[in-house]
């Protein structure tokens, strides 16, 4: 239906802000994941087991998702506006 009305361009509308926003979001997540693992391993003095890696990933995910998109980057605001802008 979108393709019939808006063509190929309509299918990819809003993709650029999503890609940029996802890049910032995943970058923040992996930074937080590394920081939490470093803290849990007592600055690299202790080896972490698999359950510690899962716990670090969960904590990083909670921290990253607790921030509003506009605090990650101004692109988050543009992403929200483009998604909420026009309803088809």
C-alpha atoms as a PDB file:
ATOM      1  CA  UNK A   1       0.000   0.000   0.000  1.00  0.00           C
ATOM      2  CA  UNK A   2       2.788   2.454   0.847  1.00  0.00           C
ATOM      3  CA  UNK A   3       4.670   1.497  -2.311  1.00  0.00           C
ATOM      4  CA  UNK A   4       1.587   2.049  -4.460  1.00  0.00           C
ATOM      5  CA  UNK A   5       0.952   5.490  -2.990  1.00  0.00           C
ATOM      6  CA  UNK A   6       4.474   6.861  -2.319  1.00  0.00           C
ATOM      7  CA  UNK A   7       6.732   4.624  -4.407  1.00  0.00           C
ATOM      8  CA  UNK A   8      10.152   3.354  -3.423  1.00  0.00           C
ATOM      9  CA  UNK A   9      11.002   6.608  -1.682  1.00  0.00           C
ATOM     10  CA  UNK A  10       8.006   6.146   0.622  1.00  0.00           C
ATOM     11  CA  UNK A  11       9.307   2.770   1.786  1.00  0.00           C
ATOM     12  CA  UNK A  12      12.542   4.307   3.027  1.00  0.00           C
ATOM     13  CA  UNK A  13      11.112   7.534   4.436  1.00  0.00           C
ATOM     14  CA  UNK A  14      12.561   8.206   7.878  1.00  0.00           C
ATOM     15  CA  UNK A  15      15.375   5.696   7.500  1.00  0.00           C
ATOM     16  CA  UNK A  16      18.213   8.226   7.856  1.00  0.00           C
ATOM     17  CA  UNK A  17      17.205   9.551  11.287  1.00  0.00           C
ATOM     18  CA  UNK A  18      16.625   5.989  12.464  1.00  0.00           C
ATOM     19  CA  UNK A  19      20.088   4.880  11.348  1.00  0.00           C
ATOM     20  CA  UNK A  20      21.799   7.849  12.977  1.00  0.00           C
ATOM     21  CA  UNK A  21      19.735   7.490  16.154  1.00  0.00           C
ATOM     22  CA  UNK A  22      20.468   3.770  16.356  1.00  0.00           C
ATOM     23  CA  UNK A  23      24.184   4.420  15.921  1.00  0.00           C
ATOM     24  CA  UNK A  24      24.221   6.755  18.922  1.00  0.00           C
ATOM     25  CA  UNK A  25      22.036   4.425  20.960  1.00  0.00           C
ATOM     26  CA  UNK A  26      24.128   1.295  20.291  1.00  0.00           C
ATOM     27  CA  UNK A  27      27.332   3.259  20.868  1.00  0.00           C
ATOM     28  CA  UNK A  28      26.070   4.352  24.268  1.00  0.00           C
ATOM     29  CA  UNK A  29      24.945   0.806  25.084  1.00  0.00           C
ATOM     30  CA  UNK A  30      28.348  -0.730  24.317  1.00  0.00           C
ATOM     31  CA  UNK A  31      30.133   2.042  26.231  1.00  0.00           C
ATOM     32  CA  UNK A  32      27.935   1.357  29.262  1.00  0.00           C
ATOM     33  CA  UNK A  33      28.380  -2.419  28.861  1.00  0.00           C
ATOM     34  CA  UNK A  34      32.166  -2.048  28.864  1.00  0.00           C
ATOM     35  CA  UNK A  35      32.051   0.305  31.838  1.00  0.00           C
ATOM     36  CA  UNK A  36      29.829  -2.019  33.876  1.00  0.00           C
ATOM     37  CA  UNK A  37      32.046  -5.028  33.051  1.00  0.00           C
ATOM     38  CA  UNK A  38      35.129  -3.049  34.024  1.00  0.00           C
ATOM     39  CA  UNK A  39      33.516  -2.056  37.326  1.00  0.00           C
ATOM     40  CA  UNK A  40      32.369  -5.621  38.024  1.00  0.00           C
ATOM     41  CA  UNK A  41      35.819  -7.054  37.320  1.00  0.00           C
ATOM     42  CA  UNK A  42      37.356  -4.591  39.791  1.00  0.00           C
ATOM     43  CA  UNK A  43      39.274  -2.722  37.073  1.00  0.00           C
ATOM     44  CA  UNK A  44      40.334  -5.918  35.301  1.00  0.00           C
ATOM     45  CA  UNK A  45      41.706  -7.735  38.356  1.00  0.00           C
ATOM     46  CA  UNK A  46      39.005 -10.431  38.341  1.00  0.00           C
ATOM     47  CA  UNK A  47      37.797 -12.659  35.499  1.00  0.00           C
ATOM     48  CA  UNK A  48      34.055 -12.522  34.858  1.00  0.00           C
ATOM     49  CA  UNK A  49      31.920 -15.598  34.255  1.00  0.00           C
ATOM     50  CA  UNK A  50      29.047 -15.898  31.780  1.00  0.00           C
ATOM     51  CA  UNK A  51      26.440 -14.903  34.365  1.00  0.00           C
ATOM     52  CA  UNK A  52      28.391 -11.702  35.077  1.00  0.00           C
ATOM     53  CA  UNK A  53      28.403 -10.842  31.369  1.00  0.00           C
ATOM     54  CA  UNK A  54      24.626 -11.320  31.231  1.00  0.00           C
ATOM     55  CA  UNK A  55      24.176  -9.166  34.321  1.00  0.00           C
ATOM     56  CA  UNK A  56      26.410  -6.452  32.848  1.00  0.00           C
ATOM     57  CA  UNK A  57      24.411  -6.538  29.593  1.00  0.00           C
ATOM     58  CA  UNK A  58      21.125  -6.222  31.497  1.00  0.00           C
ATOM     59  CA  UNK A  59      22.429  -3.306  33.560  1.00  0.00           C
ATOM     60  CA  UNK A  60      23.762  -1.531  30.474  1.00  0.00           C
ATOM     61  CA  UNK A  61      20.409  -2.015  28.732  1.00  0.00           C
ATOM     62  CA  UNK A  62      18.500  -0.626  31.702  1.00  0.00           C
ATOM     63  CA  UNK A  63      20.807   2.380  31.960  1.00  0.00           C
ATOM     64  CA  UNK A  64      20.669   3.100  28.227  1.00  0.00           C
ATOM     65  CA  UNK A  65      16.884   2.777  28.062  1.00  0.00           C
ATOM     66  CA  UNK A  66      16.339   4.956  31.126  1.00  0.00           C
ATOM     67  CA  UNK A  67      17.674   8.003  29.260  1.00  0.00           C
ATOM     68  CA  UNK A  68      15.280   9.991  27.097  1.00  0.00           C
ATOM     69  CA  UNK A  69      16.214  10.005  23.375  1.00  0.00           C
ATOM     70  CA  UNK A  70      16.915  13.746  23.409  1.00  0.00           C
ATOM     71  CA  UNK A  71      19.664  13.261  26.010  1.00  0.00           C
ATOM     72  CA  UNK A  72      21.491  10.820  23.733  1.00  0.00           C
ATOM     73  CA  UNK A  73      21.580  13.167  20.763  1.00  0.00           C
ATOM     74  CA  UNK A  74      19.524  15.815  19.031  1.00  0.00           C
ATOM     75  CA  UNK A  75      18.947  13.197  16.339  1.00  0.00           C
ATOM     76  CA  UNK A  76      16.713  11.405  18.844  1.00  0.00           C
ATOM     77  CA  UNK A  77      14.352  14.361  18.742  1.00  0.00           C
ATOM     78  CA  UNK A  78      14.329  14.325  14.935  1.00  0.00           C
ATOM     79  CA  UNK A  79      13.711  10.577  14.990  1.00  0.00           C
ATOM     80  CA  UNK A  80      10.709  10.963  17.290  1.00  0.00           C
ATOM     81  CA  UNK A  81       9.294  13.783  15.208  1.00  0.00           C
ATOM     82  CA  UNK A  82       9.692  11.889  11.929  1.00  0.00           C
ATOM     83  CA  UNK A  83       8.000   8.792  13.357  1.00  0.00           C
ATOM     84  CA  UNK A  84       5.147  10.749  14.901  1.00  0.00           C
ATOM     85  CA  UNK A  85       4.872  13.268  12.053  1.00  0.00           C
ATOM     86  CA  UNK A  86       2.559  11.830   9.446  1.00  0.00           C
ATOM     87  CA  UNK A  87       0.119   8.993   9.905  1.00  0.00           C
ATOM     88  CA  UNK A  88      -0.711   7.052   6.733  1.00  0.00           C
END
